[in-house]
Amino acid sequence: MSESVPESVERHPWRGTQGPEPTVQCWPPGRRPALHVWSHGRWRYAPVHARQTYTDGTVAYQVTVDLAGDTTVTYRLYG
């Protein structure tokens, strides 16, 4: 790959000052979709726990991901 991929950008959780609360869709363990997050020069597998759809049409995904590849899994929200 000749071009560099920027690190994934985390989104802040919704706050009441941001307008109406987003619609949230959740998945149970074993039935979760997944995505990949670019972190520390690699694509990291990230199971999706919830999808948040905001009234302005933007979407954010709450995932668990091992950002550094050291098995320390963290919850993050990307949008």
PDB file of N, CA and C in Angstrom:
ATOM      1  N   MET A   1       0.848  -1.159   0.000  1.00  0.00           N
ATOM      2  CA  MET A   1       0.000   0.000   0.000  1.00  0.00           C
ATOM      3  C   MET A   1       0.898   1.228   0.000  1.00  0.00           C
ATOM      4  N   SER A   2       0.751   2.082  -0.993  1.00  0.00           N
ATOM      5  CA  SER A   2       1.643   3.216  -1.136  1.00  0.00           C
ATOM      6  C   SER A   2       1.205   4.449  -0.350  1.00  0.00           C
ATOM      7  N   GLU A   3      -0.051   4.533   0.010  1.00  0.00           N
ATOM      8  CA  GLU A   3      -0.516   5.690   0.773  1.00  0.00           C
ATOM      9  C   GLU A   3      -0.679   5.320   2.239  1.00  0.00           C
ATOM     10  N   SER A   4      -0.575   6.313   3.110  1.00  0.00           N
ATOM     11  CA  SER A   4      -0.746   6.028   4.533  1.00  0.00           C
ATOM     12  C   SER A   4      -2.224   6.153   4.904  1.00  0.00           C
ATOM     13  N   VAL A   5      -2.632   5.344   5.843  1.00  0.00           N
ATOM     14  CA  VAL A   5      -4.005   5.354   6.326  1.00  0.00           C
ATOM     15  C   VAL A   5      -4.012   6.100   7.650  1.00  0.00           C
ATOM     16  N   PRO A   6      -4.884   7.123   7.806  1.00  0.00           N
ATOM     17  CA  PRO A   6      -4.910   7.841   9.082  1.00  0.00           C
ATOM     18  C   PRO A   6      -5.483   6.977  10.198  1.00  0.00           C
ATOM     19  N   GLU A   7      -5.044   7.234  11.410  1.00  0.00           N
ATOM     20  CA  GLU A   7      -5.586   6.524  12.565  1.00  0.00           C
ATOM     21  C   GLU A   7      -7.089   6.804  12.669  1.00  0.00           C
ATOM     22  N   SER A   8      -7.836   5.838  13.169  1.00  0.00           N
ATOM     23  CA  SER A   8      -9.275   6.008  13.347  1.00  0.00           C
ATOM     24  C   SER A   8      -9.540   7.110  14.367  1.00  0.00           C
ATOM     25  N   VAL A   9     -10.617   7.850  14.138  1.00  0.00           N
ATOM     26  CA  VAL A   9     -10.960   8.965  15.019  1.00  0.00           C
ATOM     27  C   VAL A   9     -12.147   8.577  15.880  1.00  0.00           C
ATOM     28  N   GLU A  10     -11.957   8.699  17.177  1.00  0.00           N
ATOM     29  CA  GLU A  10     -13.005   8.344  18.117  1.00  0.00           C
ATOM     30  C   GLU A  10     -14.035   9.467  18.209  1.00  0.00           C
ATOM     31  N   ARG A  11     -15.279   9.094  18.387  1.00  0.00           N
ATOM     32  CA  ARG A  11     -16.369  10.063  18.555  1.00  0.00           C
ATOM     33  C   ARG A  11     -16.725  10.137  20.038  1.00  0.00           C
ATOM     34  N   HIS A  12     -17.057  11.326  20.509  1.00  0.00           N
ATOM     35  CA  HIS A  12     -17.482  11.492  21.901  1.00  0.00           C
ATOM     36  C   HIS A  12     -18.904  10.966  22.062  1.00  0.00           C
ATOM     37  N   PRO A  13     -19.221  10.394  23.219  1.00  0.00           N
ATOM     38  CA  PRO A  13     -20.590   9.941  23.465  1.00  0.00           C
ATOM     39  C   PRO A  13     -21.577  11.106  23.367  1.00  0.00           C
ATOM     40  N   TRP A  14     -22.822  10.792  23.061  1.00  0.00           N
ATOM     41  CA  TRP A  14     -23.866  11.801  22.936  1.00  0.00           C
ATOM     42  C   TRP A  14     -24.066  12.530  24.261  1.00  0.00           C
ATOM     43  N   ARG A  15     -24.311  13.820  24.154  1.00  0.00           N
ATOM     44  CA  ARG A  15     -24.628  14.647  25.320  1.00  0.00           C
ATOM     45  C   ARG A  15     -25.947  15.368  25.038  1.00  0.00           C
ATOM     46  N   GLY A  16     -26.697  15.667  26.072  1.00  0.00           N
ATOM     47  CA  GLY A  16     -27.991  16.324  25.929  1.00  0.00           C
ATOM     48  C   GLY A  16     -27.941  17.655  25.205  1.00  0.00           C
ATOM     49  N   THR A  17     -26.773  18.298  25.196  1.00  0.00           N
ATOM     50  CA  THR A  17     -26.626  19.588  24.510  1.00  0.00           C
ATOM     51  C   THR A  17     -26.492  19.425  22.997  1.00  0.00           C
ATOM     52  N   GLN A  18     -26.412  18.172  22.518  1.00  0.00           N
ATOM     53  CA  GLN A  18     -26.222  17.906  21.090  1.00  0.00           C
ATOM     54  C   GLN A  18     -27.532  17.663  20.351  1.00  0.00           C
ATOM     55  N   GLY A  19     -28.636  17.936  20.989  1.00  0.00           N
ATOM     56  CA  GLY A  19     -29.918  17.718  20.338  1.00  0.00           C
ATOM     57  C   GLY A  19     -30.556  16.421  20.782  1.00  0.00           C
ATOM     58  N   PRO A  20     -31.520  15.934  19.984  1.00  0.00           N
ATOM     59  CA  PRO A  20     -32.240  14.710  20.366  1.00  0.00           C
ATOM     60  C   PRO A  20     -31.311  13.507  20.511  1.00  0.00           C
ATOM     61  N   GLU A  21     -31.680  12.641  21.418  1.00  0.00           N
ATOM     62  CA  GLU A  21     -30.921  11.419  21.666  1.00  0.00           C
ATOM     63  C   GLU A  21     -30.923  10.534  20.416  1.00  0.00           C
ATOM     64  N   PRO A  22     -29.794   9.879  20.099  1.00  0.00           N
ATOM     65  CA  PRO A  22     -29.761   9.007  18.920  1.00  0.00           C
ATOM     66  C   PRO A  22     -30.571   7.734  19.145  1.00  0.00           C
ATOM     67  N   THR A  23     -30.996   7.129  18.051  1.00  0.00           N
ATOM     68  CA  THR A  23     -31.625   5.810  18.094  1.00  0.00           C
ATOM     69  C   THR A  23     -30.508   4.786  18.219  1.00  0.00           C
ATOM     70  N   VAL A  24     -30.666   3.810  19.113  1.00  0.00           N
ATOM     71  CA  VAL A  24     -29.609   2.832  19.359  1.00  0.00           C
ATOM     72  C   VAL A  24     -30.109   1.438  19.015  1.00  0.00           C
ATOM     73  N   GLN A  25     -29.314   0.718  18.221  1.00  0.00           N
ATOM     74  CA  GLN A  25     -29.598  -0.685  17.897  1.00  0.00           C
ATOM     75  C   GLN A  25     -28.471  -1.521  18.490  1.00  0.00           C
ATOM     76  N   CYS A  26     -28.822  -2.561  19.258  1.00  0.00           N
ATOM     77  CA  CYS A  26     -27.825  -3.415  19.911  1.00  0.00           C
ATOM     78  C   CYS A  26     -27.916  -4.839  19.379  1.00  0.00           C
ATOM     79  N   TRP A  27     -26.815  -5.569  19.491  1.00  0.00           N
ATOM     80  CA  TRP A  27     -26.768  -6.962  19.086  1.00  0.00           C
ATOM     81  C   TRP A  27     -26.313  -7.826  20.258  1.00  0.00           C
ATOM     82  N   PRO A  28     -26.841  -9.021  20.381  1.00  0.00           N
ATOM     83  CA  PRO A  28     -26.414  -9.913  21.464  1.00  0.00           C
ATOM     84  C   PRO A  28     -25.077 -10.580  21.130  1.00  0.00           C
ATOM     85  N   PRO A  29     -24.347 -11.045  22.139  1.00  0.00           N
ATOM     86  CA  PRO A  29     -23.103 -11.779  21.881  1.00  0.00           C
ATOM     87  C   PRO A  29     -23.367 -12.952  20.947  1.00  0.00           C
ATOM     88  N   GLY A  30     -22.445 -13.203  20.063  1.00  0.00           N
ATOM     89  CA  GLY A  30     -22.576 -14.297  19.113  1.00  0.00           C
ATOM     90  C   GLY A  30     -23.314 -13.919  17.844  1.00  0.00           C
ATOM     91  N   ARG A  31     -23.952 -12.761  17.815  1.00  0.00           N
ATOM     92  CA  ARG A  31     -24.696 -12.323  16.630  1.00  0.00           C
ATOM     93  C   ARG A  31     -24.279 -10.916  16.217  1.00  0.00           C
ATOM     94  N   ARG A  32     -23.154 -10.457  16.726  1.00  0.00           N
ATOM     95  CA  ARG A  32     -22.713  -9.092  16.453  1.00  0.00           C
ATOM     96  C   ARG A  32     -22.016  -8.995  15.101  1.00  0.00           C
ATOM     97  N   PRO A  33     -22.319  -7.924  14.350  1.00  0.00           N
ATOM     98  CA  PRO A  33     -21.501  -7.642  13.168  1.00  0.00           C
ATOM     99  C   PRO A  33     -20.143  -7.128  13.651  1.00  0.00           C
ATOM    100  N   ALA A  34     -19.230  -6.930  12.746  1.00  0.00           N
ATOM    101  CA  ALA A  34     -17.913  -6.429  13.125  1.00  0.00           C
ATOM    102  C   ALA A  34     -17.396  -5.481  12.048  1.00  0.00           C
ATOM    103  N   LEU A  35     -16.418  -4.701  12.421  1.00  0.00           N
ATOM    104  CA  LEU A  35     -15.711  -3.859  11.470  1.00  0.00           C
ATOM    105  C   LEU A  35     -14.237  -3.900  11.840  1.00  0.00           C
ATOM    106  N   HIS A  36     -13.428  -3.247  11.055  1.00  0.00           N
ATOM    107  CA  HIS A  36     -11.995  -3.180  11.353  1.00  0.00           C
ATOM    108  C   HIS A  36     -11.619  -1.719  11.595  1.00  0.00           C
ATOM    109  N   VAL A  37     -10.759  -1.492  12.588  1.00  0.00           N
ATOM    110  CA  VAL A  37     -10.304  -0.165  12.974  1.00  0.00           C
ATOM    111  C   VAL A  37      -8.802  -0.086  12.696  1.00  0.00           C
ATOM    112  N   TRP A  38      -8.361   0.960  12.001  1.00  0.00           N
ATOM    113  CA  TRP A  38      -6.938   1.152  11.728  1.00  0.00           C
ATOM    114  C   TRP A  38      -6.279   1.740  12.969  1.00  0.00           C
ATOM    115  N   SER A  39      -5.329   1.022  13.556  1.00  0.00           N
ATOM    116  CA  SER A  39      -4.654   1.481  14.769  1.00  0.00           C
ATOM    117  C   SER A  39      -3.251   0.905  14.827  1.00  0.00           C
ATOM    118  N   HIS A  40      -2.287   1.728  15.147  1.00  0.00           N
ATOM    119  CA  HIS A  40      -0.880   1.311  15.271  1.00  0.00           C
ATOM    120  C   HIS A  40      -0.395   0.586  14.015  1.00  0.00           C
ATOM    121  N   GLY A  41      -0.796   1.097  12.852  1.00  0.00           N
ATOM    122  CA  GLY A  41      -0.303   0.561  11.587  1.00  0.00           C
ATOM    123  C   GLY A  41      -0.936  -0.734  11.119  1.00  0.00           C
ATOM    124  N   ARG A  42      -2.023  -1.166  11.759  1.00  0.00           N
ATOM    125  CA  ARG A  42      -2.693  -2.416  11.366  1.00  0.00           C
ATOM    126  C   ARG A  42      -4.202  -2.267  11.470  1.00  0.00           C
ATOM    127  N   TRP A  43      -4.912  -3.098  10.724  1.00  0.00           N
ATOM    128  CA  TRP A  43      -6.358  -3.195  10.867  1.00  0.00           C
ATOM    129  C   TRP A  43      -6.661  -4.104  12.044  1.00  0.00           C
ATOM    130  N   ARG A  44      -7.467  -3.624  12.979  1.00  0.00           N
ATOM    131  CA  ARG A  44      -7.828  -4.382  14.180  1.00  0.00           C
ATOM    132  C   ARG A  44      -9.299  -4.785  14.105  1.00  0.00           C
ATOM    133  N   TYR A  45      -9.577  -6.047  14.355  1.00  0.00           N
ATOM    134  CA  TYR A  45     -10.937  -6.579  14.360  1.00  0.00           C
ATOM    135  C   TYR A  45     -11.714  -5.974  15.514  1.00  0.00           C
ATOM    136  N   ALA A  46     -12.947  -5.526  15.266  1.00  0.00           N
ATOM    137  CA  ALA A  46     -13.729  -4.845  16.303  1.00  0.00           C
ATOM    138  C   ALA A  46     -15.199  -5.254  16.231  1.00  0.00           C
ATOM    139  N   PRO A  47     -15.653  -6.168  17.104  1.00  0.00           N
ATOM    140  CA  PRO A  47     -17.073  -6.515  17.153  1.00  0.00           C
ATOM    141  C   PRO A  47     -17.916  -5.293  17.548  1.00  0.00           C
ATOM    142  N   VAL A  48     -19.054  -5.129  16.885  1.00  0.00           N
ATOM    143  CA  VAL A  48     -19.948  -3.998  17.140  1.00  0.00           C
ATOM    144  C   VAL A  48     -20.953  -4.378  18.227  1.00  0.00           C
ATOM    145  N   HIS A  49     -21.065  -3.547  19.241  1.00  0.00           N
ATOM    146  CA  HIS A  49     -22.054  -3.759  20.301  1.00  0.00           C
ATOM    147  C   HIS A  49     -23.328  -2.979  20.020  1.00  0.00           C
ATOM    148  N   ALA A  50     -23.172  -1.776  19.452  1.00  0.00           N
ATOM    149  CA  ALA A  50     -24.338  -0.933  19.205  1.00  0.00           C
ATOM    150  C   ALA A  50     -24.073   0.013  18.042  1.00  0.00           C
ATOM    151  N   ARG A  51     -25.160   0.337  17.341  1.00  0.00           N
ATOM    152  CA  ARG A  51     -25.131   1.345  16.280  1.00  0.00           C
ATOM    153  C   ARG A  51     -25.993   2.502  16.765  1.00  0.00           C
ATOM    154  N   GLN A  52     -25.447   3.719  16.710  1.00  0.00           N
ATOM    155  CA  GLN A  52     -26.185   4.902  17.128  1.00  0.00           C
ATOM    156  C   GLN A  52     -26.446   5.765  15.898  1.00  0.00           C
ATOM    157  N   THR A  53     -27.720   6.010  15.617  1.00  0.00           N
ATOM    158  CA  THR A  53     -28.110   6.825  14.473  1.00  0.00           C
ATOM    159  C   THR A  53     -28.633   8.162  14.994  1.00  0.00           C
ATOM    160  N   TYR A  54     -27.965   9.237  14.610  1.00  0.00           N
ATOM    161  CA  TYR A  54     -28.314  10.570  15.071  1.00  0.00           C
ATOM    162  C   TYR A  54     -29.352  11.200  14.144  1.00  0.00           C
ATOM    163  N   THR A  55     -30.077  12.201  14.652  1.00  0.00           N
ATOM    164  CA  THR A  55     -31.146  12.821  13.873  1.00  0.00           C
ATOM    165  C   THR A  55     -30.628  13.533  12.627  1.00  0.00           C
ATOM    166  N   ASP A  56     -29.351  13.899  12.602  1.00  0.00           N
ATOM    167  CA  ASP A  56     -28.792  14.543  11.405  1.00  0.00           C
ATOM    168  C   ASP A  56     -28.327  13.520  10.364  1.00  0.00           C
ATOM    169  N   GLY A  57     -28.546  12.228  10.655  1.00  0.00           N
ATOM    170  CA  GLY A  57     -28.198  11.171   9.711  1.00  0.00           C
ATOM    171  C   GLY A  57     -26.842  10.527   9.933  1.00  0.00           C
ATOM    172  N   THR A  58     -26.017  11.081  10.813  1.00  0.00           N
ATOM    173  CA  THR A  58     -24.715  10.459  11.065  1.00  0.00           C
ATOM    174  C   THR A  58     -24.903   9.194  11.895  1.00  0.00           C
ATOM    175  N   VAL A  59     -23.958   8.303  11.737  1.00  0.00           N
ATOM    176  CA  VAL A  59     -24.005   7.005  12.417  1.00  0.00           C
ATOM    177  C   VAL A  59     -22.688   6.795  13.147  1.00  0.00           C
ATOM    178  N   ALA A  60     -22.756   6.224  14.336  1.00  0.00           N
ATOM    179  CA  ALA A  60     -21.563   5.874  15.102  1.00  0.00           C
ATOM    180  C   ALA A  60     -21.716   4.437  15.579  1.00  0.00           C
ATOM    181  N   TYR A  61     -20.592   3.743  15.691  1.00  0.00           N
ATOM    182  CA  TYR A  61     -20.591   2.349  16.122  1.00  0.00           C
ATOM    183  C   TYR A  61     -19.802   2.209  17.412  1.00  0.00           C
ATOM    184  N   GLN A  62     -20.416   1.555  18.409  1.00  0.00           N
ATOM    185  CA  GLN A  62     -19.729   1.258  19.662  1.00  0.00           C
ATOM    186  C   GLN A  62     -19.121  -0.131  19.516  1.00  0.00           C
ATOM    187  N   VAL A  63     -17.799  -0.222  19.664  1.00  0.00           N
ATOM    188  CA  VAL A  63     -17.088  -1.476  19.430  1.00  0.00           C
ATOM    189  C   VAL A  63     -16.161  -1.797  20.593  1.00  0.00           C
ATOM    190  N   THR A  64     -15.729  -3.050  20.657  1.00  0.00           N
ATOM    191  CA  THR A  64     -14.591  -3.412  21.508  1.00  0.00           C
ATOM    192  C   THR A  64     -13.445  -3.686  20.553  1.00  0.00           C
ATOM    193  N   VAL A  65     -12.270  -3.189  20.906  1.00  0.00           N
ATOM    194  CA  VAL A  65     -11.132  -3.323  19.995  1.00  0.00           C
ATOM    195  C   VAL A  65      -9.824  -3.345  20.779  1.00  0.00           C
ATOM    196  N   ASP A  66      -8.900  -4.155  20.296  1.00  0.00           N
ATOM    197  CA  ASP A  66      -7.543  -4.231  20.839  1.00  0.00           C
ATOM    198  C   ASP A  66      -6.699  -3.250  20.023  1.00  0.00           C
ATOM    199  N   LEU A  67      -6.624  -1.995  20.457  1.00  0.00           N
ATOM    200  CA  LEU A  67      -6.004  -0.938  19.664  1.00  0.00           C
ATOM    201  C   LEU A  67      -4.508  -1.117  19.436  1.00  0.00           C
ATOM    202  N   ALA A  68      -3.797  -1.658  20.403  1.00  0.00           N
ATOM    203  CA  ALA A  68      -2.346  -1.772  20.287  1.00  0.00           C
ATOM    204  C   ALA A  68      -1.873  -3.186  19.972  1.00  0.00           C
ATOM    205  N   GLY A  69      -2.796  -4.147  19.911  1.00  0.00           N
ATOM    206  CA  GLY A  69      -2.399  -5.519  19.642  1.00  0.00           C
ATOM    207  C   GLY A  69      -1.789  -6.204  20.843  1.00  0.00           C
ATOM    208  N   ASP A  70      -2.098  -5.711  22.037  1.00  0.00           N
ATOM    209  CA  ASP A  70      -1.523  -6.288  23.263  1.00  0.00           C
ATOM    210  C   ASP A  70      -2.574  -6.998  24.118  1.00  0.00           C
ATOM    211  N   THR A  71      -3.701  -7.310  23.531  1.00  0.00           N
ATOM    212  CA  THR A  71      -4.851  -7.989  24.146  1.00  0.00           C
ATOM    213  C   THR A  71      -5.559  -7.162  25.224  1.00  0.00           C
ATOM    214  N   THR A  72      -5.283  -5.865  25.286  1.00  0.00           N
ATOM    215  CA  THR A  72      -6.030  -4.974  26.160  1.00  0.00           C
ATOM    216  C   THR A  72      -7.189  -4.421  25.346  1.00  0.00           C
ATOM    217  N   VAL A  73      -8.363  -4.969  25.574  1.00  0.00           N
ATOM    218  CA  VAL A  73      -9.537  -4.600  24.786  1.00  0.00           C
ATOM    219  C   VAL A  73     -10.238  -3.410  25.428  1.00  0.00           C
ATOM    220  N   THR A  74     -10.582  -2.440  24.609  1.00  0.00           N
ATOM    221  CA  THR A  74     -11.248  -1.240  25.107  1.00  0.00           C
ATOM    222  C   THR A  74     -12.532  -0.983  24.327  1.00  0.00           C
ATOM    223  N   TYR A  75     -13.468  -0.289  24.942  1.00  0.00           N
ATOM    224  CA  TYR A  75     -14.696   0.129  24.282  1.00  0.00           C
ATOM    225  C   TYR A  75     -14.449   1.489  23.643  1.00  0.00           C
ATOM    226  N   ARG A  76     -14.855   1.624  22.389  1.00  0.00           N
ATOM    227  CA  ARG A  76     -14.683   2.879  21.680  1.00  0.00           C
ATOM    228  C   ARG A  76     -15.928   3.152  20.846  1.00  0.00           C
ATOM    229  N   LEU A  77     -16.140   4.442  20.521  1.00  0.00           N
ATOM    230  CA  LEU A  77     -17.244   4.857  19.667  1.00  0.00           C
ATOM    231  C   LEU A  77     -16.650   5.565  18.470  1.00  0.00           C
ATOM    232  N   TYR A  78     -16.911   5.036  17.281  1.00  0.00           N
ATOM    233  CA  TYR A  78     -16.396   5.630  16.046  1.00  0.00           C
ATOM    234  C   TYR A  78     -17.551   6.039  15.162  1.00  0.00           C
ATOM    235  N   GLY A  79     -17.388   7.181  14.511  1.00  0.00           N
ATOM    236  CA  GLY A  79     -18.450   7.654  13.635  1.00  0.00           C
ATOM    237  C   GLY A  79     -17.913   8.425  12.472  1.00  0.00           C
TER     238      GLY A  79
END
